[in-house]
ModelCIF file with pLDDT and N, C-alpha, C, O atoms, coordinates in Angstrom:
data_MODEL
#
_entry.id   MODEL 
#
_entity.id                         1 
_entity.type                       polymer 
_entity.pdbx_number_of_molecules   1 
#
_entity_poly.entity_id                      1 
_entity_poly.type                           'polypeptide(L)' 
_entity_poly.nstd_linkage                   no 
_entity_poly.nstd_monomer                   no 
_entity_poly.pdbx_seq_one_letter_code       LTHSPITCQGKASYADSAYYTVPSGAGVFATGTMRWNCALV 
_entity_poly.pdbx_seq_one_letter_code_can   LTHSPITCQGKASYADSAYYTVPSGAGVFATGTMRWNCALV 
_entity_poly.pdbx_strand_id                 A 
#
loop_
_entity_poly_seq.entity_id 
_entity_poly_seq.num 
_entity_poly_seq.mon_id 
_entity_poly_seq.hetero 
1 1  LEU n 
1 2  THR n 
1 3  HIS n 
1 4  SER n 
1 5  PRO n 
1 6  ILE n 
1 7  THR n 
1 8  CYS n 
1 9  GLN n 
1 10 GLY n 
1 11 LYS n 
1 12 ALA n 
1 13 SER n 
1 14 TYR n 
1 15 ALA n 
1 16 ASP n 
1 17 SER n 
1 18 ALA n 
1 19 TYR n 
1 20 TYR n 
1 21 THR n 
1 22 VAL n 
1 23 PRO n 
1 24 SER n 
1 25 GLY n 
1 26 ALA n 
1 27 GLY n 
1 28 VAL n 
1 29 PHE n 
1 30 ALA n 
1 31 THR n 
1 32 GLY n 
1 33 THR n 
1 34 MET n 
1 35 ARG n 
1 36 TRP n 
1 37 ASN n 
1 38 CYS n 
1 39 ALA n 
1 40 LEU n 
1 41 VAL n 
#
_struct_asym.id          A 
_struct_asym.entity_id   1 
#
loop_
_ma_qa_metric.id 
_ma_qa_metric.mode 
_ma_qa_metric.name 
_ma_qa_metric.software_group_id 
_ma_qa_metric.type 
1 global pLDDT . pLDDT 
2 local  pLDDT . pLDDT 
#
_ma_qa_metric_global.metric_id      1 
_ma_qa_metric_global.metric_value   96.39 
_ma_qa_metric_global.model_id       1 
_ma_qa_metric_global.ordinal_id     1 
#
loop_
_ma_qa_metric_local.label_asym_id 
_ma_qa_metric_local.label_comp_id 
_ma_qa_metric_local.label_seq_id 
_ma_qa_metric_local.metric_id 
_ma_qa_metric_local.metric_value 
_ma_qa_metric_local.model_id 
_ma_qa_metric_local.ordinal_id 
A LEU 1  2 98.00 1 1  
A THR 2  2 97.00 1 2  
A HIS 3  2 96.00 1 3  
A SER 4  2 96.00 1 4  
A PRO 5  2 95.00 1 5  
A ILE 6  2 95.00 1 6  
A THR 7  2 96.00 1 7  
A CYS 8  2 96.00 1 8  
A GLN 9  2 95.00 1 9  
A GLY 10 2 95.00 1 10 
A LYS 11 2 94.00 1 11 
A ALA 12 2 93.00 1 12 
A SER 13 2 93.00 1 13 
A TYR 14 2 94.00 1 14 
A ALA 15 2 96.00 1 15 
A ASP 16 2 97.00 1 16 
A SER 17 2 98.00 1 17 
A ALA 18 2 98.00 1 18 
A TYR 19 2 98.00 1 19 
A TYR 20 2 98.00 1 20 
A THR 21 2 98.00 1 21 
A VAL 22 2 98.00 1 22 
A PRO 23 2 98.00 1 23 
A SER 24 2 98.00 1 24 
A GLY 25 2 98.00 1 25 
A ALA 26 2 98.00 1 26 
A GLY 27 2 98.00 1 27 
A VAL 28 2 98.00 1 28 
A PHE 29 2 98.00 1 29 
A ALA 30 2 98.00 1 30 
A THR 31 2 98.00 1 31 
A GLY 32 2 98.00 1 32 
A THR 33 2 98.00 1 33 
A MET 34 2 96.00 1 34 
A ARG 35 2 96.00 1 35 
A TRP 36 2 97.00 1 36 
A ASN 37 2 96.00 1 37 
A CYS 38 2 93.00 1 38 
A ALA 39 2 96.00 1 39 
A LEU 40 2 96.00 1 40 
A VAL 41 2 90.00 1 41 
#
loop_
_atom_site.group_PDB 
_atom_site.id 
_atom_site.type_symbol 
_atom_site.label_atom_id 
_atom_site.label_alt_id 
_atom_site.label_comp_id 
_atom_site.label_asym_id 
_atom_site.label_entity_id 
_atom_site.label_seq_id 
_atom_site.pdbx_PDB_ins_code 
_atom_site.Cartn_x 
_atom_site.Cartn_y 
_atom_site.Cartn_z 
_atom_site.occupancy 
_atom_site.B_iso_or_equiv 
_atom_site.pdbx_formal_charge 
_atom_site.auth_seq_id 
_atom_site.auth_comp_id 
_atom_site.auth_asym_id 
_atom_site.auth_atom_id 
_atom_site.pdbx_PDB_model_num 
ATOM 1   N N  . LEU A 1 1  ? 103.020 141.307 57.773 1.00 98.00 ? 1  LEU A N  1 
ATOM 2   C CA . LEU A 1 1  ? 102.166 141.666 56.639 1.00 98.00 ? 1  LEU A CA 1 
ATOM 3   C C  . LEU A 1 1  ? 100.769 141.102 56.813 1.00 98.00 ? 1  LEU A C  1 
ATOM 4   O O  . LEU A 1 1  ? 99.774  141.758 56.504 1.00 98.00 ? 1  LEU A O  1 
ATOM 5   N N  . THR A 1 2  ? 100.710 139.874 57.312 1.00 97.00 ? 2  THR A N  1 
ATOM 6   C CA . THR A 1 2  ? 99.435  139.240 57.621 1.00 97.00 ? 2  THR A CA 1 
ATOM 7   C C  . THR A 1 2  ? 99.517  138.683 59.028 1.00 97.00 ? 2  THR A C  1 
ATOM 8   O O  . THR A 1 2  ? 100.599 138.348 59.510 1.00 97.00 ? 2  THR A O  1 
ATOM 9   N N  . HIS A 1 3  ? 98.378  138.585 59.681 1.00 96.00 ? 3  HIS A N  1 
ATOM 10  C CA . HIS A 1 3  ? 98.310  138.122 61.068 1.00 96.00 ? 3  HIS A CA 1 
ATOM 11  C C  . HIS A 1 3  ? 96.991  137.363 61.179 1.00 96.00 ? 3  HIS A C  1 
ATOM 12  O O  . HIS A 1 3  ? 95.926  137.964 61.319 1.00 96.00 ? 3  HIS A O  1 
ATOM 13  N N  . SER A 1 4  ? 97.075  136.046 61.115 1.00 96.00 ? 4  SER A N  1 
ATOM 14  C CA . SER A 1 4  ? 95.895  135.219 60.846 1.00 96.00 ? 4  SER A CA 1 
ATOM 15  C C  . SER A 1 4  ? 95.531  134.355 62.044 1.00 96.00 ? 4  SER A C  1 
ATOM 16  O O  . SER A 1 4  ? 96.323  133.506 62.453 1.00 96.00 ? 4  SER A O  1 
ATOM 17  N N  . PRO A 1 5  ? 94.340  134.555 62.617 1.00 95.00 ? 5  PRO A N  1 
ATOM 18  C CA . PRO A 1 5  ? 93.904  133.695 63.717 1.00 95.00 ? 5  PRO A CA 1 
ATOM 19  C C  . PRO A 1 5  ? 93.843  132.236 63.273 1.00 95.00 ? 5  PRO A C  1 
ATOM 20  O O  . PRO A 1 5  ? 93.401  131.925 62.168 1.00 95.00 ? 5  PRO A O  1 
ATOM 21  N N  . ILE A 1 6  ? 94.293  131.356 64.152 1.00 95.00 ? 6  ILE A N  1 
ATOM 22  C CA . ILE A 1 6  ? 94.362  129.950 63.781 1.00 95.00 ? 6  ILE A CA 1 
ATOM 23  C C  . ILE A 1 6  ? 94.238  129.104 65.036 1.00 95.00 ? 6  ILE A C  1 
ATOM 24  O O  . ILE A 1 6  ? 94.669  129.512 66.114 1.00 95.00 ? 6  ILE A O  1 
ATOM 25  N N  . THR A 1 7  ? 93.653  127.935 64.894 1.00 96.00 ? 7  THR A N  1 
ATOM 26  C CA . THR A 1 7  ? 93.618  126.957 65.973 1.00 96.00 ? 7  THR A CA 1 
ATOM 27  C C  . THR A 1 7  ? 94.303  125.697 65.497 1.00 96.00 ? 7  THR A C  1 
ATOM 28  O O  . THR A 1 7  ? 93.962  125.146 64.450 1.00 96.00 ? 7  THR A O  1 
ATOM 29  N N  . CYS A 1 8  ? 95.264  125.249 66.265 1.00 96.00 ? 8  CYS A N  1 
ATOM 30  C CA . CYS A 1 8  ? 96.041  124.058 65.881 1.00 96.00 ? 8  CYS A CA 1 
ATOM 31  C C  . CYS A 1 8  ? 96.229  123.175 67.106 1.00 96.00 ? 8  CYS A C  1 
ATOM 32  O O  . CYS A 1 8  ? 96.687  123.634 68.152 1.00 96.00 ? 8  CYS A O  1 
ATOM 33  N N  . GLN A 1 9  ? 95.877  121.923 66.967 1.00 95.00 ? 9  GLN A N  1 
ATOM 34  C CA . GLN A 1 9  ? 95.948  120.967 68.070 1.00 95.00 ? 9  GLN A CA 1 
ATOM 35  C C  . GLN A 1 9  ? 95.253  121.506 69.322 1.00 95.00 ? 9  GLN A C  1 
ATOM 36  O O  . GLN A 1 9  ? 95.723  121.322 70.445 1.00 95.00 ? 9  GLN A O  1 
ATOM 37  N N  . GLY A 1 10 ? 94.116  122.179 69.095 1.00 95.00 ? 10 GLY A N  1 
ATOM 38  C CA . GLY A 1 10 ? 93.281  122.658 70.181 1.00 95.00 ? 10 GLY A CA 1 
ATOM 39  C C  . GLY A 1 10 ? 93.715  123.965 70.807 1.00 95.00 ? 10 GLY A C  1 
ATOM 40  O O  . GLY A 1 10 ? 93.086  124.426 71.760 1.00 95.00 ? 10 GLY A O  1 
ATOM 41  N N  . LYS A 1 11 ? 94.791  124.586 70.289 1.00 94.00 ? 11 LYS A N  1 
ATOM 42  C CA . LYS A 1 11 ? 95.291  125.826 70.875 1.00 94.00 ? 11 LYS A CA 1 
ATOM 43  C C  . LYS A 1 11 ? 95.133  126.975 69.892 1.00 94.00 ? 11 LYS A C  1 
ATOM 44  O O  . LYS A 1 11 ? 95.460  126.849 68.712 1.00 94.00 ? 11 LYS A O  1 
ATOM 45  N N  . ALA A 1 12 ? 94.629  128.092 70.390 1.00 93.00 ? 12 ALA A N  1 
ATOM 46  C CA . ALA A 1 12 ? 94.444  129.275 69.551 1.00 93.00 ? 12 ALA A CA 1 
ATOM 47  C C  . ALA A 1 12 ? 95.755  130.040 69.442 1.00 93.00 ? 12 ALA A C  1 
ATOM 48  O O  . ALA A 1 12 ? 96.480  130.198 70.424 1.00 93.00 ? 12 ALA A O  1 
ATOM 49  N N  . SER A 1 13 ? 96.048  130.509 68.240 1.00 93.00 ? 13 SER A N  1 
ATOM 50  C CA . SER A 1 13 ? 97.284  131.252 68.014 1.00 93.00 ? 13 SER A CA 1 
ATOM 51  C C  . SER A 1 13 ? 97.115  132.118 66.772 1.00 93.00 ? 13 SER A C  1 
ATOM 52  O O  . SER A 1 13 ? 95.997  132.403 66.342 1.00 93.00 ? 13 SER A O  1 
ATOM 53  N N  . TYR A 1 14 ? 98.253  132.533 66.201 1.00 94.00 ? 14 TYR A N  1 
ATOM 54  C CA . TYR A 1 14 ? 98.264  133.315 64.970 1.00 94.00 ? 14 TYR A CA 1 
ATOM 55  C C  . TYR A 1 14 ? 99.353  132.792 64.042 1.00 94.00 ? 14 TYR A C  1 
ATOM 56  O O  . TYR A 1 14 ? 100.403 132.338 64.496 1.00 94.00 ? 14 TYR A O  1 
ATOM 57  N N  . ALA A 1 15 ? 99.096  132.859 62.751 1.00 96.00 ? 15 ALA A N  1 
ATOM 58  C CA . ALA A 1 15 ? 100.106 132.606 61.730 1.00 96.00 ? 15 ALA A CA 1 
ATOM 59  C C  . ALA A 1 15 ? 100.458 133.936 61.078 1.00 96.00 ? 15 ALA A C  1 
ATOM 60  O O  . ALA A 1 15 ? 99.572  134.733 60.770 1.00 96.00 ? 15 ALA A O  1 
ATOM 61  N N  . ASP A 1 16 ? 101.757 134.176 60.866 1.00 97.00 ? 16 ASP A N  1 
ATOM 62  C CA . ASP A 1 16 ? 102.196 135.468 60.347 1.00 97.00 ? 16 ASP A CA 1 
ATOM 63  C C  . ASP A 1 16 ? 103.072 135.308 59.110 1.00 97.00 ? 16 ASP A C  1 
ATOM 64  O O  . ASP A 1 16 ? 103.891 134.392 59.036 1.00 97.00 ? 16 ASP A O  1 
ATOM 65  N N  . SER A 1 17 ? 102.897 136.198 58.144 1.00 98.00 ? 17 SER A N  1 
ATOM 66  C CA . SER A 1 17 ? 103.915 136.426 57.129 1.00 98.00 ? 17 SER A CA 1 
ATOM 67  C C  . SER A 1 17 ? 104.638 137.703 57.511 1.00 98.00 ? 17 SER A C  1 
ATOM 68  O O  . SER A 1 17 ? 104.042 138.608 58.096 1.00 98.00 ? 17 SER A O  1 
ATOM 69  N N  . ALA A 1 18 ? 105.938 137.783 57.178 1.00 98.00 ? 18 ALA A N  1 
ATOM 70  C CA . ALA A 1 18 ? 106.722 138.886 57.706 1.00 98.00 ? 18 ALA A CA 1 
ATOM 71  C C  . ALA A 1 18 ? 107.858 139.262 56.769 1.00 98.00 ? 18 ALA A C  1 
ATOM 72  O O  . ALA A 1 18 ? 108.266 138.484 55.906 1.00 98.00 ? 18 ALA A O  1 
ATOM 73  N N  . TYR A 1 19 ? 108.358 140.481 56.964 1.00 98.00 ? 19 TYR A N  1 
ATOM 74  C CA . TYR A 1 19 ? 109.478 141.021 56.189 1.00 98.00 ? 19 TYR A CA 1 
ATOM 75  C C  . TYR A 1 19 ? 110.365 141.820 57.127 1.00 98.00 ? 19 TYR A C  1 
ATOM 76  O O  . TYR A 1 19 ? 109.890 142.689 57.858 1.00 98.00 ? 19 TYR A O  1 
ATOM 77  N N  . TYR A 1 20 ? 111.677 141.514 57.100 1.00 98.00 ? 20 TYR A N  1 
ATOM 78  C CA . TYR A 1 20 ? 112.601 142.317 57.890 1.00 98.00 ? 20 TYR A CA 1 
ATOM 79  C C  . TYR A 1 20 ? 113.804 142.695 57.050 1.00 98.00 ? 20 TYR A C  1 
ATOM 80  O O  . TYR A 1 20 ? 114.065 142.082 56.015 1.00 98.00 ? 20 TYR A O  1 
ATOM 81  N N  . THR A 1 21 ? 114.542 143.711 57.500 1.00 98.00 ? 21 THR A N  1 
ATOM 82  C CA . THR A 1 21 ? 115.729 144.159 56.790 1.00 98.00 ? 21 THR A CA 1 
ATOM 83  C C  . THR A 1 21 ? 116.905 144.257 57.753 1.00 98.00 ? 21 THR A C  1 
ATOM 84  O O  . THR A 1 21 ? 116.725 144.374 58.965 1.00 98.00 ? 21 THR A O  1 
ATOM 85  N N  . VAL A 1 22 ? 118.120 144.206 57.190 1.00 98.00 ? 22 VAL A N  1 
ATOM 86  C CA . VAL A 1 22 ? 119.350 144.203 57.981 1.00 98.00 ? 22 VAL A CA 1 
ATOM 87  C C  . VAL A 1 22 ? 120.274 145.304 57.463 1.00 98.00 ? 22 VAL A C  1 
ATOM 88  O O  . VAL A 1 22 ? 120.040 145.837 56.378 1.00 98.00 ? 22 VAL A O  1 
ATOM 89  N N  . PRO A 1 23 ? 121.325 145.659 58.221 1.00 98.00 ? 23 PRO A N  1 
ATOM 90  C CA . PRO A 1 23 ? 122.199 146.762 57.819 1.00 98.00 ? 23 PRO A CA 1 
ATOM 91  C C  . PRO A 1 23 ? 122.834 146.626 56.442 1.00 98.00 ? 23 PRO A C  1 
ATOM 92  O O  . PRO A 1 23 ? 123.144 147.640 55.817 1.00 98.00 ? 23 PRO A O  1 
ATOM 93  N N  . SER A 1 24 ? 123.037 145.412 55.950 1.00 98.00 ? 24 SER A N  1 
ATOM 94  C CA . SER A 1 24 ? 123.611 145.242 54.612 1.00 98.00 ? 24 SER A CA 1 
ATOM 95  C C  . SER A 1 24 ? 122.668 145.723 53.521 1.00 98.00 ? 24 SER A C  1 
ATOM 96  O O  . SER A 1 24 ? 123.085 145.900 52.376 1.00 98.00 ? 24 SER A O  1 
ATOM 97  N N  . GLY A 1 25 ? 121.411 145.936 53.861 1.00 98.00 ? 25 GLY A N  1 
ATOM 98  C CA . GLY A 1 25 ? 120.397 146.299 52.886 1.00 98.00 ? 25 GLY A CA 1 
ATOM 99  C C  . GLY A 1 25 ? 119.539 145.139 52.453 1.00 98.00 ? 25 GLY A C  1 
ATOM 100 O O  . GLY A 1 25 ? 118.530 145.334 51.776 1.00 98.00 ? 25 GLY A O  1 
ATOM 101 N N  . ALA A 1 26 ? 119.920 143.934 52.828 1.00 98.00 ? 26 ALA A N  1 
ATOM 102 C CA . ALA A 1 26 ? 119.143 142.765 52.417 1.00 98.00 ? 26 ALA A CA 1 
ATOM 103 C C  . ALA A 1 26 ? 117.772 142.769 53.066 1.00 98.00 ? 26 ALA A C  1 
ATOM 104 O O  . ALA A 1 26 ? 117.606 143.207 54.205 1.00 98.00 ? 26 ALA A O  1 
ATOM 105 N N  . GLY A 1 27 ? 116.793 142.274 52.322 1.00 98.00 ? 27 GLY A N  1 
ATOM 106 C CA . GLY A 1 27 ? 115.456 142.057 52.846 1.00 98.00 ? 27 GLY A CA 1 
ATOM 107 C C  . GLY A 1 27 ? 115.187 140.569 52.948 1.00 98.00 ? 27 GLY A C  1 
ATOM 108 O O  . GLY A 1 27 ? 115.667 139.787 52.128 1.00 98.00 ? 27 GLY A O  1 
ATOM 109 N N  . VAL A 1 28 ? 114.419 140.176 53.952 1.00 98.00 ? 28 VAL A N  1 
ATOM 110 C CA . VAL A 1 28 ? 114.068 138.771 54.160 1.00 98.00 ? 28 VAL A CA 1 
ATOM 111 C C  . VAL A 1 28 ? 112.551 138.672 54.281 1.00 98.00 ? 28 VAL A C  1 
ATOM 112 O O  . VAL A 1 28 ? 111.937 139.323 55.127 1.00 98.00 ? 28 VAL A O  1 
ATOM 113 N N  . PHE A 1 29 ? 111.961 137.850 53.424 1.00 98.00 ? 29 PHE A N  1 
ATOM 114 C CA . PHE A 1 29 ? 110.503 137.667 53.396 1.00 98.00 ? 29 PHE A CA 1 
ATOM 115 C C  . PHE A 1 29 ? 110.175 136.221 53.712 1.00 98.00 ? 29 PHE A C  1 
ATOM 116 O O  . PHE A 1 29 ? 110.820 135.307 53.198 1.00 98.00 ? 29 PHE A O  1 
ATOM 117 N N  . ALA A 1 30 ? 109.173 136.010 54.557 1.00 98.00 ? 30 ALA A N  1 
ATOM 118 C CA . ALA A 1 30 ? 108.696 134.668 54.872 1.00 98.00 ? 30 ALA A CA 1 
ATOM 119 C C  . ALA A 1 30 ? 107.177 134.648 54.801 1.00 98.00 ? 30 ALA A C  1 
ATOM 120 O O  . ALA A 1 30 ? 106.512 135.492 55.402 1.00 98.00 ? 30 ALA A O  1 
ATOM 121 N N  . THR A 1 31 ? 106.628 133.685 54.066 1.00 98.00 ? 31 THR A N  1 
ATOM 122 C CA . THR A 1 31 ? 105.177 133.597 53.927 1.00 98.00 ? 31 THR A CA 1 
ATOM 123 C C  . THR A 1 31 ? 104.513 133.073 55.188 1.00 98.00 ? 31 THR A C  1 
ATOM 124 O O  . THR A 1 31 ? 103.368 133.424 55.473 1.00 98.00 ? 31 THR A O  1 
ATOM 125 N N  . GLY A 1 32 ? 105.221 132.229 55.959 1.00 98.00 ? 32 GLY A N  1 
ATOM 126 C CA . GLY A 1 32 ? 104.665 131.662 57.176 1.00 98.00 ? 32 GLY A CA 1 
ATOM 127 C C  . GLY A 1 32 ? 103.674 130.544 56.955 1.00 98.00 ? 32 GLY A C  1 
ATOM 128 O O  . GLY A 1 32 ? 103.003 130.125 57.898 1.00 98.00 ? 32 GLY A O  1 
ATOM 129 N N  . THR A 1 33 ? 103.563 130.046 55.725 1.00 98.00 ? 33 THR A N  1 
ATOM 130 C CA . THR A 1 33 ? 102.618 128.963 55.437 1.00 98.00 ? 33 THR A CA 1 
ATOM 131 C C  . THR A 1 33 ? 103.190 128.025 54.387 1.00 98.00 ? 33 THR A C  1 
ATOM 132 O O  . THR A 1 33 ? 103.902 128.452 53.478 1.00 98.00 ? 33 THR A O  1 
ATOM 133 N N  . MET A 1 34 ? 102.879 126.765 54.518 1.00 96.00 ? 34 MET A N  1 
ATOM 134 C CA . MET A 1 34 ? 103.371 125.772 53.574 1.00 96.00 ? 34 MET A CA 1 
ATOM 135 C C  . MET A 1 34 ? 102.503 125.689 52.324 1.00 96.00 ? 34 MET A C  1 
ATOM 136 O O  . MET A 1 34 ? 102.870 125.009 51.366 1.00 96.00 ? 34 MET A O  1 
ATOM 137 N N  . ARG A 1 35 ? 101.373 126.360 52.317 1.00 96.00 ? 35 ARG A N  1 
ATOM 138 C CA . ARG A 1 35 ? 100.454 126.239 51.195 1.00 96.00 ? 35 ARG A CA 1 
ATOM 139 C C  . ARG A 1 35 ? 100.694 127.300 50.110 1.00 96.00 ? 35 ARG A C  1 
ATOM 140 O O  . ARG A 1 35 ? 99.982  127.328 49.106 1.00 96.00 ? 35 ARG A O  1 
ATOM 141 N N  . TRP A 1 36 ? 101.672 128.153 50.303 1.00 97.00 ? 36 TRP A N  1 
ATOM 142 C CA . TRP A 1 36 ? 101.924 129.241 49.359 1.00 97.00 ? 36 TRP A CA 1 
ATOM 143 C C  . TRP A 1 36 ? 102.296 128.715 47.976 1.00 97.00 ? 36 TRP A C  1 
ATOM 144 O O  . TRP A 1 36 ? 101.840 129.255 46.968 1.00 97.00 ? 36 TRP A O  1 
ATOM 145 N N  . ASN A 1 37 ? 103.117 127.672 47.917 1.00 96.00 ? 37 ASN A N  1 
ATOM 146 C CA . ASN A 1 37 ? 103.572 127.143 46.627 1.00 96.00 ? 37 ASN A CA 1 
ATOM 147 C C  . ASN A 1 37 ? 102.411 126.772 45.724 1.00 96.00 ? 37 ASN A C  1 
ATOM 148 O O  . ASN A 1 37 ? 102.411 127.120 44.543 1.00 96.00 ? 37 ASN A O  1 
ATOM 149 N N  . CYS A 1 38 ? 101.430 126.076 46.256 1.00 93.00 ? 38 CYS A N  1 
ATOM 150 C CA . CYS A 1 38 ? 100.351 125.641 45.370 1.00 93.00 ? 38 CYS A CA 1 
ATOM 151 C C  . CYS A 1 38 ? 99.370  126.758 45.063 1.00 93.00 ? 38 CYS A C  1 
ATOM 152 O O  . CYS A 1 38 ? 98.468  126.571 44.246 1.00 93.00 ? 38 CYS A O  1 
ATOM 153 N N  . ALA A 1 39 ? 99.524  127.925 45.701 1.00 96.00 ? 39 ALA A N  1 
ATOM 154 C CA . ALA A 1 39 ? 98.736  129.089 45.305 1.00 96.00 ? 39 ALA A CA 1 
ATOM 155 C C  . ALA A 1 39 ? 99.340  129.785 44.083 1.00 96.00 ? 39 ALA A C  1 
ATOM 156 O O  . ALA A 1 39 ? 98.684  130.621 43.461 1.00 96.00 ? 39 ALA A O  1 
ATOM 157 N N  . LEU A 1 40 ? 100.571 129.450 43.741 1.00 96.00 ? 40 LEU A N  1 
ATOM 158 C CA . LEU A 1 40 ? 101.264 130.187 42.690 1.00 96.00 ? 40 LEU A CA 1 
ATOM 159 C C  . LEU A 1 40 ? 100.927 129.714 41.288 1.00 96.00 ? 40 LEU A C  1 
ATOM 160 O O  . LEU A 1 40 ? 101.315 130.359 40.314 1.00 96.00 ? 40 LEU A O  1 
ATOM 161 N N  . VAL A 1 41 ? 100.223 128.615 41.164 1.00 90.00 ? 41 VAL A N  1 
ATOM 162 C CA . VAL A 1 41 ? 99.716  128.181 39.872 1.00 90.00 ? 41 VAL A CA 1 
ATOM 163 C C  . VAL A 1 41 ? 98.216  127.994 39.998 1.00 90.00 ? 41 VAL A C  1 
ATOM 164 O O  . VAL A 1 41 ? 97.556  127.627 39.027 1.00 90.00 ? 41 VAL A O  1 
#
C-alpha cells in the first residue's frame, strides 16, 4: 500500500505497509511502522 524510502544505520532501503489474503478469505494487514499507534489519537 505504501513504499517509503528510508535510510537506517547508513543503509538505504524501503519501509512497506501491506495487505495479503489467504484461501480461507482472511485478510492480513500490516502497517510496517511502530509509529502508527500514536497517529491514531
